[in-house]
Amino acid sequence: MNPEVAVRASAELGEGPTWDPVTGRLIWVDILASRIHTYEPGSGRRTVMVTEQHVGAAKPRAGGGLVVNLRDGIGLYGPDGAFSWLLRDPVPGRRGNDAAVAPDGALWAGTMRYDEAPGGGSLTRIVADGATTAFPDPVSVSNGTAWSPDGRLMYYVDSPTRRIDVFDYDGQLAHERRPFAVVENGSGFPDGLTVDADGGIWVALWDGAEVRRYDPDGTLGLVVELPVRRPTACAFGGPDLTDLYVTTARTGLRQPHPLSGSLLVLPGMGRGMPGTAFAG
């Protein structure tokens, strides 16, 4: 289970790996460098696009292009690269963070304050026309969001809680929040996550130097140790969705590992689920 280097990089805050089956590329971002990266495993081809603001996440759109969770709101890039705002909601001291597309094509976009102040973040559901539904619970550092294979459960991480929480999901909204798994003190903080085709929940542990897989009943089933201290998120990719990609960060580290900021891959770690493109 030794990780391989997919892309050797020095990202300040790599995040949000997402497989795009239409293009055969993995999309990921460097939040603090305002960059969207793509990587084609077959050819090794890479691209980098600079955004006007810090970018927390970039996800494929159904009609081509990307939806992006920026500092001041939700933006759209068309297939031709043209940019427009879908939802502009600037809040001083706050930026977009992780985001995920639900099975119905809605975007669940999280935010956080730069100073990580408690209660300073948010989680919002955004549909194709820009209409929003705000998540009612207090949020500090909104991170991983994902859904079970049958679409009946939603998993969510607000990192300072050290928990992965689970909700009942009715196809549009989430209800009945409850703890699913707790990361013990000293093992880092849960960050980005993904769900495999068997219902297992994979989560990257910031400051924990590992990725974990929890069984559908919440039992810790697998721990994969990493050479980097700050893995940030994970996602399955590749033509068969069997390779687990892990983004990493070097921000805030006095002596980062040489691979901190790189995109790592764990080949053949499981079987991911096909993602859903944003409907807008």
Protein backbone atom coordinates (compact mmCIF):
# COMPACT_ATOMS: atom_id res chain seq x y z
CA MET A 1 0.00 0.00 0.00
CA ASN A 2 2.88 2.37 -0.66
CA PRO A 3 1.67 5.47 -2.47
CA GLU A 4 3.02 6.40 -5.86
CA VAL A 5 3.54 9.92 -7.14
CA ALA A 6 1.01 10.81 -9.83
CA VAL A 7 2.08 14.46 -10.05
CA ARG A 8 5.14 15.78 -8.26
CA ALA A 9 4.17 19.29 -7.24
CA SER A 10 4.58 21.87 -4.48
CA ALA A 11 0.95 22.84 -3.98
CA GLU A 12 0.39 25.03 -0.95
CA LEU A 13 -3.02 23.51 -0.32
CA GLY A 14 -3.89 20.76 -2.77
CA GLU A 15 -7.53 19.70 -2.48
CA GLY A 16 -10.64 18.31 -4.11
CA PRO A 17 -9.56 15.43 -6.39
CA THR A 18 -12.38 14.61 -8.81
CA TRP A 19 -12.42 12.14 -11.69
CA ASP A 20 -14.00 13.41 -14.91
CA PRO A 21 -15.01 10.35 -16.98
CA VAL A 22 -15.86 12.44 -20.04
CA THR A 23 -12.31 13.74 -20.44
CA GLY A 24 -10.47 10.92 -18.64
CA ARG A 25 -8.80 13.44 -16.36
CA LEU A 26 -8.40 13.96 -12.64
CA ILE A 27 -9.25 17.53 -11.59
CA TRP A 28 -7.76 19.00 -8.41
CA VAL A 29 -7.06 22.45 -7.02
CA ASP A 30 -4.38 24.35 -5.16
CA ILE A 31 -6.63 26.58 -3.08
CA LEU A 32 -4.14 29.22 -1.93
CA ALA A 33 -2.34 29.43 -5.28
CA SER A 34 -5.66 29.94 -7.12
CA ARG A 35 -4.98 27.12 -9.55
CA ILE A 36 -7.03 24.33 -11.08
CA HIS A 37 -4.95 21.33 -12.16
CA THR A 38 -5.82 18.42 -14.43
CA TYR A 39 -3.96 15.15 -14.90
CA GLU A 40 -4.45 12.41 -17.50
CA PRO A 41 -3.12 9.11 -16.09
CA GLY A 42 -2.79 7.44 -19.47
CA SER A 43 -0.65 10.08 -21.13
CA GLY A 44 0.70 11.93 -18.11
CA ARG A 45 -0.54 15.17 -19.65
CA ARG A 46 -1.12 17.99 -17.18
CA THR A 47 -2.76 21.40 -17.39
CA VAL A 48 -2.92 24.31 -14.96
CA MET A 49 -5.46 27.14 -15.03
CA VAL A 50 -5.17 30.23 -12.85
CA THR A 51 -8.35 31.58 -11.26
CA GLU A 52 -9.07 35.16 -10.20
CA GLN A 53 -9.61 34.13 -6.57
CA HIS A 54 -8.73 31.36 -4.15
CA VAL A 55 -10.54 28.25 -5.39
CA GLY A 56 -11.80 25.62 -2.93
CA ALA A 57 -13.15 23.11 -5.44
CA ALA A 58 -13.70 22.55 -9.17
CA LYS A 59 -16.24 20.03 -10.48
CA PRO A 60 -17.36 19.03 -14.00
CA ARG A 61 -20.56 20.51 -15.44
CA ALA A 62 -23.08 18.41 -17.36
CA GLY A 63 -22.70 20.54 -20.48
CA GLY A 64 -18.93 20.85 -20.26
CA GLY A 65 -16.71 23.23 -18.33
CA LEU A 66 -16.42 23.55 -14.56
CA VAL A 67 -18.31 24.84 -11.55
CA VAL A 68 -15.93 26.39 -9.00
CA ASN A 69 -16.22 27.28 -5.32
CA LEU A 70 -14.37 30.58 -5.12
CA ARG A 71 -13.64 33.06 -2.36
CA ASP A 72 -16.69 35.17 -3.17
CA GLY A 73 -19.15 32.53 -4.34
CA ILE A 74 -19.89 30.01 -7.06
CA GLY A 75 -18.54 30.56 -10.56
CA LEU A 76 -18.96 28.79 -13.89
CA TYR A 77 -16.41 28.14 -16.62
CA GLY A 78 -17.88 27.23 -19.98
CA PRO A 79 -16.38 24.67 -22.35
CA ASP A 80 -14.63 27.59 -24.07
CA GLY A 81 -13.16 28.85 -20.77
CA ALA A 82 -15.49 31.83 -20.47
CA PHE A 83 -16.28 32.72 -16.84
CA SER A 84 -19.51 33.91 -15.22
CA TRP A 85 -20.86 34.09 -11.70
CA LEU A 86 -23.69 31.76 -10.74
CA LEU A 87 -23.87 33.02 -7.17
CA ARG A 88 -21.79 35.90 -5.83
CA ASP A 89 -21.89 36.30 -2.05
CA PRO A 90 -18.68 37.89 -0.74
CA VAL A 91 -18.12 37.83 3.02
CA PRO A 92 -14.94 39.53 4.31
CA GLY A 93 -12.51 37.01 5.78
CA ARG A 94 -14.31 33.97 4.33
CA ARG A 95 -13.53 31.73 1.35
CA GLY A 96 -14.91 28.72 -0.46
CA ASN A 97 -13.57 25.34 0.63
CA ASP A 98 -14.51 21.78 -0.32
CA ALA A 99 -17.60 21.03 -2.41
CA ALA A 100 -19.36 18.00 -3.86
CA VAL A 101 -22.06 17.25 -6.41
CA ALA A 102 -25.04 15.27 -5.12
CA PRO A 103 -26.74 12.47 -7.08
CA ASP A 104 -29.41 14.96 -8.21
CA GLY A 105 -26.81 17.27 -9.78
CA ALA A 106 -26.91 19.95 -7.08
CA LEU A 107 -23.68 21.40 -5.70
CA TRP A 108 -23.07 21.28 -1.94
CA ALA A 109 -20.49 24.02 -1.36
CA GLY A 110 -18.72 24.69 1.91
CA THR A 111 -16.92 27.75 3.23
CA MET A 112 -14.64 28.65 6.11
CA ARG A 113 -13.00 31.74 7.55
CA TYR A 114 -9.33 32.27 6.84
CA ASP A 115 -8.74 32.39 10.59
CA GLU A 116 -10.83 29.21 11.04
CA ALA A 117 -13.06 30.97 13.60
CA PRO A 118 -15.70 28.67 15.10
CA GLY A 119 -19.06 29.05 13.40
CA GLY A 120 -17.58 31.18 10.62
CA GLY A 121 -18.23 28.72 7.81
CA SER A 122 -21.27 27.47 5.96
CA LEU A 123 -22.65 24.65 3.83
CA THR A 124 -25.09 25.48 1.04
CA ARG A 125 -26.94 23.47 -1.59
CA ILE A 126 -26.95 25.22 -4.97
CA VAL A 127 -29.02 24.06 -7.95
CA ALA A 128 -28.57 24.77 -11.64
CA ASP A 129 -30.30 28.16 -11.67
CA GLY A 130 -28.38 29.41 -8.61
CA ALA A 131 -31.18 28.92 -6.09
CA THR A 132 -29.84 28.00 -2.66
CA THR A 133 -30.78 26.10 0.47
CA ALA A 134 -28.62 26.88 3.49
CA PHE A 135 -27.53 24.10 5.82
CA PRO A 136 -29.04 25.09 9.20
CA ASP A 137 -26.36 23.79 11.61
CA PRO A 138 -23.34 25.88 12.67
CA VAL A 139 -20.25 25.16 10.55
CA SER A 140 -16.61 26.07 11.18
CA VAL A 141 -14.38 24.43 8.54
CA SER A 142 -16.64 22.76 5.97
CA ASN A 143 -14.93 19.82 4.29
CA GLY A 144 -15.76 16.43 2.79
CA THR A 145 -19.28 15.59 1.60
CA ALA A 146 -20.32 12.37 -0.12
CA TRP A 147 -23.25 10.01 -0.60
CA SER A 148 -23.82 6.28 -0.10
CA PRO A 149 -24.12 4.00 -3.16
CA ASP A 150 -27.91 3.79 -2.80
CA GLY A 151 -28.20 7.57 -2.37
CA ARG A 152 -30.00 7.29 0.96
CA LEU A 153 -27.21 8.61 3.20
CA MET A 154 -25.03 11.72 3.12
CA TYR A 155 -21.68 11.90 4.92
CA TYR A 156 -20.19 15.21 6.02
CA VAL A 157 -17.10 16.56 7.77
CA ASP A 158 -16.80 19.81 9.72
CA SER A 159 -13.13 19.28 10.53
CA PRO A 160 -12.81 20.78 14.04
CA THR A 161 -15.47 18.37 15.34
CA ARG A 162 -13.10 15.45 14.54
CA ARG A 163 -16.18 13.58 13.29
CA ILE A 164 -17.60 12.17 10.15
CA ASP A 165 -21.35 12.70 10.49
CA VAL A 166 -24.09 10.92 8.57
CA PHE A 167 -27.54 12.10 7.54
CA ASP A 168 -30.59 10.55 5.99
CA TYR A 169 -30.83 11.93 2.45
CA ASP A 170 -34.19 12.28 0.69
CA GLY A 171 -32.85 12.97 -2.79
CA GLN A 172 -32.53 16.70 -2.20
CA LEU A 173 -31.98 17.55 1.47
CA ALA A 174 -30.25 15.96 4.47
CA HIS A 175 -31.98 15.14 7.77
CA GLU A 176 -31.31 13.49 11.14
CA ARG A 177 -27.64 14.30 11.64
CA ARG A 178 -25.71 11.85 13.82
CA PRO A 179 -22.06 10.85 14.40
CA PHE A 180 -20.75 8.12 12.12
CA ALA A 181 -17.08 7.96 13.16
CA VAL A 182 -14.83 9.95 15.50
CA VAL A 183 -11.12 10.53 14.90
CA GLU A 184 -9.31 10.21 18.20
CA ASN A 185 -7.19 13.06 19.59
CA GLY A 186 -3.64 12.98 18.30
CA SER A 187 -4.56 11.34 14.99
CA GLY A 188 -5.26 14.48 13.01
CA PHE A 189 -8.48 15.95 11.68
CA PRO A 190 -10.87 14.47 9.12
CA ASP A 191 -10.75 16.40 5.87
CA GLY A 192 -11.95 15.37 2.41
CA LEU A 193 -13.69 12.05 1.88
CA THR A 194 -15.16 9.71 -0.73
CA VAL A 195 -17.38 6.63 -0.70
CA ASP A 196 -16.56 3.45 -2.62
CA ALA A 197 -18.96 1.16 -4.47
CA ASP A 198 -19.21 -1.13 -1.44
CA GLY A 199 -20.28 1.72 0.82
CA GLY A 200 -16.93 2.19 2.55
CA ILE A 201 -15.98 5.73 3.57
CA TRP A 202 -12.44 6.86 2.82
CA VAL A 203 -11.19 9.98 4.60
CA ALA A 204 -7.90 11.90 4.54
CA LEU A 205 -6.56 12.95 7.95
CA TRP A 206 -5.01 16.42 8.02
CA ASP A 207 -2.01 16.34 10.39
CA GLY A 208 -2.57 12.59 10.67
CA ALA A 209 -0.41 11.39 7.75
CA GLU A 210 -2.90 8.74 6.74
CA VAL A 211 -6.03 7.81 4.83
CA ARG A 212 -8.63 5.66 6.56
CA ARG A 213 -11.44 3.47 5.30
CA TYR A 214 -14.45 3.03 7.56
CA ASP A 215 -16.88 0.20 6.91
CA PRO A 216 -20.54 1.14 6.32
CA ASP A 217 -21.30 0.38 10.00
CA GLY A 218 -18.65 2.86 11.17
CA THR A 219 -15.98 0.30 12.05
CA LEU A 220 -12.43 1.32 11.16
CA GLY A 221 -11.41 -1.26 8.57
CA LEU A 222 -8.19 0.01 7.01
CA VAL A 223 -5.44 2.55 7.68
CA VAL A 224 -3.02 3.61 4.94
CA GLU A 225 0.01 5.48 6.24
CA LEU A 226 1.43 8.23 4.05
CA PRO A 227 4.83 9.94 3.98
CA VAL A 228 3.23 13.40 4.11
CA ARG A 229 1.78 14.97 7.22
CA ARG A 230 -1.12 16.77 5.59
CA PRO A 231 -3.18 14.71 3.16
CA THR A 232 -6.29 16.70 2.36
CA ALA A 233 -8.73 14.63 0.31
CA CYS A 234 -9.10 11.42 -1.67
CA ALA A 235 -11.08 10.18 -4.66
CA PHE A 236 -11.16 7.16 -6.92
CA GLY A 237 -10.12 7.66 -10.51
CA GLY A 238 -8.76 5.99 -13.59
CA PRO A 239 -10.74 4.23 -16.34
CA ASP A 240 -12.01 1.55 -13.93
CA LEU A 241 -12.22 3.83 -10.87
CA THR A 242 -9.89 1.54 -8.94
CA ASP A 243 -7.04 3.93 -8.09
CA LEU A 244 -7.28 6.17 -5.03
CA TYR A 245 -5.85 9.65 -5.61
CA VAL A 246 -4.80 11.74 -2.60
CA THR A 247 -4.16 15.49 -2.60
CA THR A 248 -1.70 16.94 -0.09
CA ALA A 249 -0.60 20.26 1.38
CA ARG A 250 2.59 21.93 2.54
CA THR A 251 1.09 25.13 3.95
CA GLY A 252 1.99 25.83 7.57
CA LEU A 253 4.78 23.24 7.73
CA ARG A 254 8.28 24.39 8.69
CA GLN A 255 9.95 21.35 7.13
CA PRO A 256 7.50 19.76 4.70
CA HIS A 257 8.23 16.33 3.29
CA PRO A 258 9.54 16.52 -0.30
CA LEU A 259 6.22 15.05 -1.50
CA SER A 260 4.05 17.49 0.43
CA GLY A 261 1.95 19.32 -2.14
CA SER A 262 2.08 16.45 -4.62
CA LEU A 263 -0.78 14.38 -6.00
CA LEU A 264 -0.34 10.81 -4.76
CA VAL A 265 -2.04 7.64 -5.96
CA LEU A 266 -2.71 4.26 -4.37
CA PRO A 267 -3.31 1.88 -7.29
CA GLY A 268 -5.96 -0.81 -7.03
CA MET A 269 -7.28 0.26 -3.63
CA GLY A 270 -10.93 -0.45 -4.33
CA ARG A 271 -13.77 0.42 -6.68
CA GLY A 272 -15.14 3.92 -6.77
CA MET A 273 -18.54 5.14 -7.87
CA PRO A 274 -19.13 7.21 -11.01
CA GLY A 275 -19.59 10.83 -10.08
CA THR A 276 -22.38 13.18 -11.06
CA ALA A 277 -21.73 16.37 -13.01
CA PHE A 278 -23.20 19.66 -11.81
CA ALA A 279 -26.50 20.23 -13.58
CA GLY A 280 -25.87 23.93 -14.18
